[in-house]
Every structure is written in C-alpha cells, then in structure tokens.
Protein backbone atom coordinates (compact mmCIF):
# COMPACT_ATOMS: atom_id res chain seq x y z
CA MET A 1 0.00 0.00 0.00
CA LYS A 2 1.58 3.24 -1.14
CA ILE A 3 1.55 6.36 1.03
CA LYS A 4 -0.04 8.33 -1.80
CA HIS A 5 -2.92 5.84 -1.79
CA LEU A 6 -3.44 6.40 1.95
CA ILE A 7 -3.49 10.16 1.44
CA SER A 8 -5.92 9.81 -1.49
CA PHE A 9 -8.23 7.67 0.65
CA LEU A 10 -8.35 10.24 3.44
CA PHE A 11 -9.11 13.09 1.07
CA LEU A 12 -11.79 10.96 -0.59
CA CYS A 13 -13.45 10.58 2.83
CA SER A 14 -13.19 14.34 3.27
CA PHE A 15 -14.74 15.00 -0.13
CA ILE A 16 -17.66 12.62 0.38
CA PHE A 17 -18.69 14.02 3.72
CA HIS A 18 -17.88 17.60 2.85
CA SER A 19 -20.21 17.37 -0.12
CA GLU A 20 -23.13 16.95 2.28
CA ALA A 21 -22.01 19.96 4.24
CA GLN A 22 -22.24 22.20 1.20
CA LEU A 23 -26.00 22.53 1.59
CA PHE A 24 -25.69 25.65 3.74
CA THR A 25 -29.12 26.87 2.66
CA LYS A 26 -30.75 24.07 4.68
CA GLU A 27 -30.54 23.36 8.38
CA ARG A 28 -29.26 19.81 8.73
CA LEU A 29 -30.21 17.41 11.52
CA LEU A 30 -27.23 17.21 13.89
CA ASN A 31 -26.24 13.74 15.05
CA ASN A 32 -24.84 13.47 18.56
CA GLU A 33 -25.19 17.21 19.01
CA ASN A 34 -23.72 17.23 22.52
CA PHE A 35 -21.08 14.55 21.98
CA ASP A 36 -18.13 16.95 22.25
CA LYS A 37 -19.44 18.67 25.38
CA ALA A 38 -18.31 15.88 27.71
CA PRO A 39 -15.10 16.78 29.60
CA LEU A 40 -13.81 13.21 29.15
CA SER A 41 -14.49 10.77 26.33
CA TYR A 42 -13.05 7.42 25.31
CA GLY A 43 -12.75 5.22 22.28
CA TYR A 44 -10.56 2.86 20.34
CA PHE A 45 -8.77 2.83 17.01
CA LEU A 46 -7.71 0.37 14.33
CA GLY A 47 -5.38 1.21 11.51
CA PHE A 48 -2.35 0.68 9.35
CA ASN A 49 1.20 1.95 9.34
CA ASN A 50 3.98 2.26 6.81
CA TYR A 51 7.35 2.62 8.54
CA ASP A 52 10.58 3.68 6.87
CA PHE A 53 14.07 4.66 8.06
CA ASN A 54 15.98 7.87 7.54
CA ILE A 55 19.68 6.88 7.46
CA ASP A 56 22.58 9.33 7.81
CA TYR A 57 26.04 8.19 6.76
CA LYS A 58 29.51 9.10 7.97
CA THR A 59 30.90 9.11 4.42
CA LYS A 60 29.17 9.18 1.05
CA VAL A 61 28.33 5.64 -0.06
CA LYS A 62 25.57 3.86 -1.92
CA ASP A 63 22.44 4.14 0.22
CA ILE A 64 21.12 1.21 2.20
CA GLN A 65 17.70 0.41 0.75
CA VAL A 66 14.76 0.06 3.13
CA LEU A 67 12.19 -2.50 1.98
CA LYS A 68 8.88 -1.57 3.62
CA SER A 69 5.60 -3.34 4.25
CA VAL A 70 2.25 -2.30 5.69
CA GLY A 71 1.84 -2.88 9.42
CA PHE A 72 -1.08 -2.83 11.84
CA ASN A 73 -2.13 -0.51 14.70
CA VAL A 74 -4.66 -1.00 17.48
CA GLY A 75 -5.23 0.95 20.67
CA LEU A 76 -7.35 3.08 22.99
CA ILE A 77 -8.12 6.79 23.14
CA GLY A 78 -8.65 9.08 26.11
CA ASN A 79 -9.79 12.60 25.22
CA VAL A 80 -9.84 15.63 27.53
CA ARG A 81 -11.93 18.56 26.28
CA ILE A 82 -10.46 22.06 26.76
CA ASN A 83 -13.06 23.97 24.75
CA ASP A 84 -14.92 23.68 21.43
CA TYR A 85 -11.69 23.84 19.44
CA PHE A 86 -8.95 22.27 21.58
CA ASP A 87 -8.59 18.78 23.06
CA ILE A 88 -5.76 16.84 24.65
CA ARG A 89 -5.53 13.18 23.68
CA LEU A 90 -3.69 10.14 24.97
CA GLU A 91 -3.60 7.25 22.50
CA PRO A 92 -1.75 4.20 23.88
CA GLY A 93 -1.57 1.41 21.35
CA LEU A 94 0.21 -1.55 19.83
CA VAL A 95 2.08 -0.97 16.56
CA ILE A 96 3.41 -3.88 14.50
CA SER A 97 5.78 -3.18 11.61
CA ASN A 98 8.32 -4.97 9.44
CA ARG A 99 11.26 -3.46 7.52
CA THR A 100 14.23 -5.01 5.75
CA LEU A 101 17.60 -3.33 5.24
CA SER A 102 19.16 -4.22 1.89
CA PHE A 103 22.91 -3.60 1.61
CA SER A 104 24.88 -3.14 -1.60
CA ASP A 105 27.71 -5.62 -2.12
CA THR A 106 30.06 -2.60 -2.19
CA TYR A 107 29.78 -2.58 1.62
CA PHE A 108 31.72 -5.87 1.61
CA ASP A 109 34.57 -4.96 -0.76
CA GLY A 110 37.57 -7.09 0.09
CA LEU A 111 35.50 -9.32 2.40
CA VAL A 112 34.08 -12.79 1.99
CA PHE A 113 30.30 -12.71 2.30
CA GLU A 114 27.18 -14.68 1.45
CA GLU A 115 23.99 -13.48 -0.19
CA LYS A 116 22.16 -13.63 3.15
CA ASP A 117 24.59 -11.04 4.56
CA LEU A 118 23.11 -8.37 2.26
CA LYS A 119 19.73 -8.29 4.04
CA ARG A 120 18.67 -7.73 7.63
CA GLU A 121 14.99 -8.11 8.53
CA LEU A 122 13.76 -5.89 11.37
CA ARG A 123 10.45 -6.95 12.88
CA SER A 124 9.18 -4.48 15.46
CA THR A 125 6.32 -4.55 17.95
CA TYR A 126 5.94 -1.22 19.74
CA ILE A 127 3.97 -0.06 22.74
CA HIS A 128 3.32 3.39 21.34
CA ILE A 129 2.06 6.20 23.63
CA PRO A 130 1.36 9.62 22.03
CA LEU A 131 0.30 12.76 23.90
CA LEU A 132 -1.40 15.01 21.35
CA LEU A 133 -3.05 18.40 21.01
CA LYS A 134 -6.07 18.29 18.71
CA ILE A 135 -7.13 21.59 17.09
CA SER A 136 -10.54 21.46 15.43
CA THR A 137 -12.52 23.78 13.18
CA LYS A 138 -16.11 24.75 13.87
CA ARG A 139 -18.46 21.83 13.36
CA ILE A 140 -20.11 21.87 9.92
CA ASN A 141 -23.34 19.93 10.23
CA ASN A 142 -22.07 16.40 10.95
CA ILE A 143 -18.37 16.77 10.22
CA LYS A 144 -15.50 18.56 11.94
CA PRO A 145 -12.00 18.66 10.35
CA PHE A 146 -8.99 18.94 12.63
CA ILE A 147 -5.21 18.92 12.81
CA VAL A 148 -3.22 17.19 15.52
CA GLY A 149 0.33 17.28 16.79
CA GLY A 150 2.41 16.23 19.75
CA VAL A 151 5.09 13.92 21.07
CA SER A 152 5.19 10.22 21.79
CA THR A 153 7.32 7.53 23.32
CA ALA A 154 7.60 3.93 22.19
CA ILE A 155 8.98 0.73 23.68
CA ASN A 156 10.13 -1.83 21.13
CA LEU A 157 9.15 -5.21 22.55
CA SER A 158 11.18 -6.86 19.78
CA SER A 159 14.35 -4.94 20.62
CA ASN A 160 17.62 -6.88 20.69
CA GLU A 161 19.62 -3.98 22.12
CA ASP A 162 21.27 -6.15 24.79
CA ASN A 163 21.81 -9.16 22.57
CA PRO A 164 25.49 -10.26 22.75
CA ASP A 165 25.22 -11.45 19.12
CA ASP A 166 25.43 -8.71 16.49
CA ASN A 167 25.45 -8.77 12.67
CA ARG A 168 28.12 -11.46 12.61
CA LYS A 169 25.33 -13.71 13.90
CA GLY A 170 22.66 -12.14 11.69
CA ASN A 171 21.28 -9.65 14.26
CA PHE A 172 21.00 -5.97 13.36
CA ARG A 173 20.46 -4.50 16.82
CA MET A 174 18.04 -1.66 17.56
CA THR A 175 17.40 0.36 20.71
CA LYS A 176 14.47 -0.46 22.98
CA ASN A 177 13.20 3.06 23.75
CA ASN A 178 12.40 5.84 21.33
CA LEU A 179 10.91 9.35 21.14
CA PHE A 180 8.87 10.83 18.29
CA TYR A 181 7.09 13.96 17.21
CA GLU A 182 3.83 13.56 15.33
CA LEU A 183 1.76 15.71 12.97
CA GLY A 184 -1.50 14.84 11.28
CA LEU A 185 -5.01 15.69 10.15
CA GLY A 186 -8.40 14.05 10.18
CA ILE A 187 -12.17 14.43 10.08
CA ASP A 188 -14.65 13.75 12.87
CA ILE A 189 -17.84 12.33 11.37
CA TYR A 190 -20.92 12.27 13.63
CA PHE A 191 -23.38 9.43 13.31
CA THR A 192 -26.50 8.80 15.36
CA TRP A 193 -24.87 6.55 17.95
CA PHE A 194 -21.13 7.18 17.65
CA LYS A 195 -18.39 9.34 16.18
CA PHE A 196 -16.15 7.93 13.44
CA THR A 197 -12.78 9.52 12.63
CA PRO A 198 -10.41 8.67 9.78
CA SER A 199 -7.02 10.33 10.26
CA LEU A 200 -3.58 10.39 8.70
CA ARG A 201 -0.51 11.10 10.84
CA GLY A 202 3.21 11.35 10.24
CA VAL A 203 5.56 9.92 12.89
CA PHE A 204 9.20 11.06 13.08
CA SER A 205 11.87 9.72 15.45
CA LEU A 206 14.01 12.11 17.50
CA LYS A 207 16.68 9.54 18.45
CA ASP A 208 19.30 7.38 16.81
CA GLU A 209 17.96 3.81 16.98
CA HIS A 210 20.80 1.60 15.75
CA VAL A 211 23.23 -0.20 18.06
CA PRO A 212 26.69 -0.43 16.42
CA ASP A 213 28.32 -3.80 16.08
CA PHE A 214 31.14 -4.67 18.47
CA ASP A 215 33.66 -4.60 15.62
CA PRO A 216 34.22 -0.90 14.67
CA ASN A 217 35.00 -2.05 11.11
CA SER A 218 31.77 -4.00 10.73
CA PRO A 219 30.53 -3.60 7.12
CA TRP A 220 26.94 -3.33 8.38
CA THR A 221 27.35 -0.45 10.85
CA LYS A 222 30.75 1.22 10.46
CA ASN A 223 29.49 3.90 8.06
CA ILE A 224 26.10 4.54 9.72
CA ASP A 225 25.93 7.78 11.67
CA GLN A 226 22.32 7.37 12.75
CA ILE A 227 19.08 5.61 11.85
CA GLN A 228 15.72 7.19 12.66
CA THR A 229 12.22 5.85 12.09
CA ARG A 230 9.77 7.85 10.03
CA GLY A 231 6.39 6.71 8.85
CA PHE A 232 2.66 7.23 8.49
CA PHE A 233 -0.39 6.03 10.39
CA LEU A 234 -3.81 5.67 8.80
CA ASN A 235 -6.16 5.20 11.75
CA PHE A 236 -9.92 4.72 12.05
CA THR A 237 -11.25 5.82 15.41
CA PHE A 238 -14.59 4.94 17.02
CA GLN A 239 -15.93 6.93 20.00
C-alpha cells in the first residue's frame, strides 16, 4: 500500500462528507449534538502503518535500501476537552511493523560474504504512547475537520539492544526506547450513535535507533551515523 494511496483515501473521505455539508441553505439534523461537550471521552482505534528509516552516513556511499511493508495498529483513546476547538488526547496502542535493510555488495569490498549477509529483517512490535493536542474547526453539520500534533514515546518489545550477538550472527540490533514527534489531520464524522474519525498522521523519530556492532570495522554499521524511524499512520477511530 503506497503512502499516496493512503493520502488519497483520506481526502476521498473528506470530499464525500464535505459534499453533504455544502447545503448551507438548509438546516441539517445534527447527530450526537452534545457529543463533544463531555469533559472526558473514550474510544478505540484500528489502523495501518507504513514505517521507513531515515539513514545518515559518515561518508558518502551507496544508500542502504529500506524495503517496507504495511503494518497494523490497534489501541485506545482518552480525550480531555479544553473547549470547542482544543482537546488533549492520549492514544496508547500496539504498533506492529516490518522493515528489511538491503545492503549493496560494495559494503563488503575485500571481504568474503554470502547473499544472506546483504539483508537484515527488522520486525518491530511497539507499545506506542502519544500525547497530542487536537485543534478542530467549527463543526459543519455532521463533520469537523482537525489537525493534531504532539510527542510520543515507544517501547520496542522486539528490541535486541542487549543481545550479545550482532550482525556477525545475523542480528541488526536496535534500541528499545524511542521518542517521536507527530503531525496529522483528520475528520470527525458524527453518526446517530457514535463518532467515526479517519485520520492520517506522520511519525518522526528524534533519536538514533541503531546499536553499532562490536567490531568498529563492521561492514553493516561502520558507516552509519544514525538511523531514525519515520512513517505514516492511517487510523480509524470509534468513539
């Protein structure tokens, strides 16, 4: 699933529901008119992610290719209302992703290597906890667009940071704890019995995540300055 397809899907949702809201000459029946008046509200979300890496190098070399796949998100939402336009949200969840680092054979010049040495699969399962500020527009009939931003922390349950075996044993080691900043947008859609929210959010790491191999001349890590996660979430929230 390409990122551009995720973006297109979100804007399609926006277009469909915004089309209804164009009938300003008629007073529309408001669903869940007082839903956003509650000081506290709760919900859950399901969604998809597409994680990548941003890799900085110590010297100019052929880039390490990141082979990506679509992952899965699930979690809970706690929302604290400030006023009609501002909310604070806590969204603890489970994020499952899979990426593969593909190395050029130029990294192994002068060394004996096998084909399997050119790839390192990184499966990650994160406990992801964002603290976000949600800024909404005025409600238009039964929709309310918003933007959201904030910071998050994540614990990688699949981390092998303390593993005594590094790439010589096939293990590309990654740190256990990480910090991110997040920016996104979405649309609250009010139905008779619940509120449905599709949203798209970018996630950007603030820390170096790779653990260098024990050998300073390791072909896998010697030229890596830092590796940082970046990616997108497409979430569907029910409240």
